[in-house]
């Protein structure tokens, strides 16, 4: 039962990946731009838009995301291409 569900989920992801073929470069550009977007959001005051008491939570989440995503993006750049012989 779990294998069938996993297979359906995997097939759905593969179909979505094939359908998004032309948009992959835009998605990659968005992922690479997320740290810069979070840096720009650091100066925005969200206390006016959020319910009382949520301003500090939103600011702390944005600060953590800025640090973590910067590390993740740098590590993705160090991975490099697969070997010429292909995957094992």
Protein backbone atom coordinates (compact mmCIF):
# COMPACT_ATOMS: atom_id res chain seq x y z
CA UNK A 1 0.00 0.00 0.00
CA UNK A 2 2.80 2.41 0.88
CA UNK A 3 4.69 1.51 -2.27
CA UNK A 4 1.68 2.29 -4.44
CA UNK A 5 1.21 5.65 -2.73
CA UNK A 6 4.92 6.43 -3.02
CA UNK A 7 4.84 5.44 -6.68
CA UNK A 8 1.85 7.73 -7.34
CA UNK A 9 3.54 10.63 -5.57
CA UNK A 10 6.77 10.02 -7.47
CA UNK A 11 4.91 9.82 -10.77
CA UNK A 12 3.11 13.08 -9.97
CA UNK A 13 6.39 14.80 -9.19
CA UNK A 14 7.94 13.50 -12.41
CA UNK A 15 4.95 14.72 -14.42
CA UNK A 16 5.16 18.14 -12.79
CA UNK A 17 8.90 18.25 -13.46
CA UNK A 18 8.33 17.41 -17.15
CA UNK A 19 5.56 20.01 -17.43
CA UNK A 20 7.76 22.70 -15.83
CA UNK A 21 10.59 22.10 -18.27
CA UNK A 22 10.61 25.66 -19.62
CA UNK A 23 10.21 27.24 -16.20
CA UNK A 24 13.09 25.47 -14.46
CA UNK A 25 15.54 28.26 -15.19
CA UNK A 26 13.14 30.79 -13.66
CA UNK A 27 12.67 28.60 -10.59
CA UNK A 28 16.45 28.30 -10.24
CA UNK A 29 16.82 32.07 -10.54
CA UNK A 30 14.16 32.53 -7.86
CA UNK A 31 15.90 30.09 -5.51
CA UNK A 32 19.22 31.86 -6.02
CA UNK A 33 17.58 35.25 -5.41
CA UNK A 34 15.83 34.27 -2.16
CA UNK A 35 18.73 35.35 0.13
CA UNK A 36 18.79 38.77 -1.53
CA UNK A 37 15.02 39.05 -1.20
CA UNK A 38 15.28 38.21 2.50
CA UNK A 39 18.01 40.82 2.90
CA UNK A 40 15.66 43.39 1.39
CA UNK A 41 12.84 42.33 3.73
CA UNK A 42 15.05 42.97 6.76
CA UNK A 43 14.25 46.67 6.58
CA UNK A 44 10.47 46.24 6.28
CA UNK A 45 8.35 46.85 9.36
CA UNK A 46 5.77 44.07 9.52
CA UNK A 47 4.26 45.11 12.86
CA UNK A 48 1.61 47.17 11.07
CA UNK A 49 0.51 44.23 8.92
CA UNK A 50 0.60 41.44 11.52
CA UNK A 51 -1.51 40.83 14.61
CA UNK A 52 -0.10 42.09 17.92
CA UNK A 53 2.82 40.04 19.19
CA UNK A 54 3.69 38.47 15.84
CA UNK A 55 6.16 41.13 14.72
CA UNK A 56 9.06 39.70 16.71
CA UNK A 57 8.26 36.17 15.54
CA UNK A 58 8.20 37.23 11.88
CA UNK A 59 11.47 39.14 12.28
CA UNK A 60 13.19 36.18 13.93
CA UNK A 61 11.96 33.77 11.23
CA UNK A 62 13.25 36.09 8.51
CA UNK A 63 16.63 36.41 10.25
CA UNK A 64 17.00 32.64 10.59
CA UNK A 65 15.98 32.11 6.96
CA UNK A 66 18.54 34.66 5.81
CA UNK A 67 21.35 32.81 7.57
CA UNK A 68 20.27 29.26 6.69
CA UNK A 69 19.45 29.93 3.05
CA UNK A 70 22.74 31.72 2.52
CA UNK A 71 24.59 28.63 3.74
CA UNK A 72 22.46 26.25 1.67
CA UNK A 73 22.87 28.27 -1.52
CA UNK A 74 26.66 28.42 -1.06
CA UNK A 75 26.83 24.65 -0.53
CA UNK A 76 24.74 24.03 -3.65
CA UNK A 77 27.28 25.99 -5.66
CA UNK A 78 30.10 23.75 -4.39
CA UNK A 79 28.44 20.47 -5.40
CA UNK A 80 29.58 20.55 -9.03
CA UNK A 81 28.45 18.51 -12.01
CA UNK A 82 28.13 14.71 -11.96
CA UNK A 83 30.99 12.60 -13.32
CA UNK A 84 31.21 12.14 -17.08
CA UNK A 85 30.43 8.43 -16.83
CA UNK A 86 27.02 9.21 -15.35
CA UNK A 87 25.42 8.09 -12.12
CA UNK A 88 26.19 4.68 -10.72
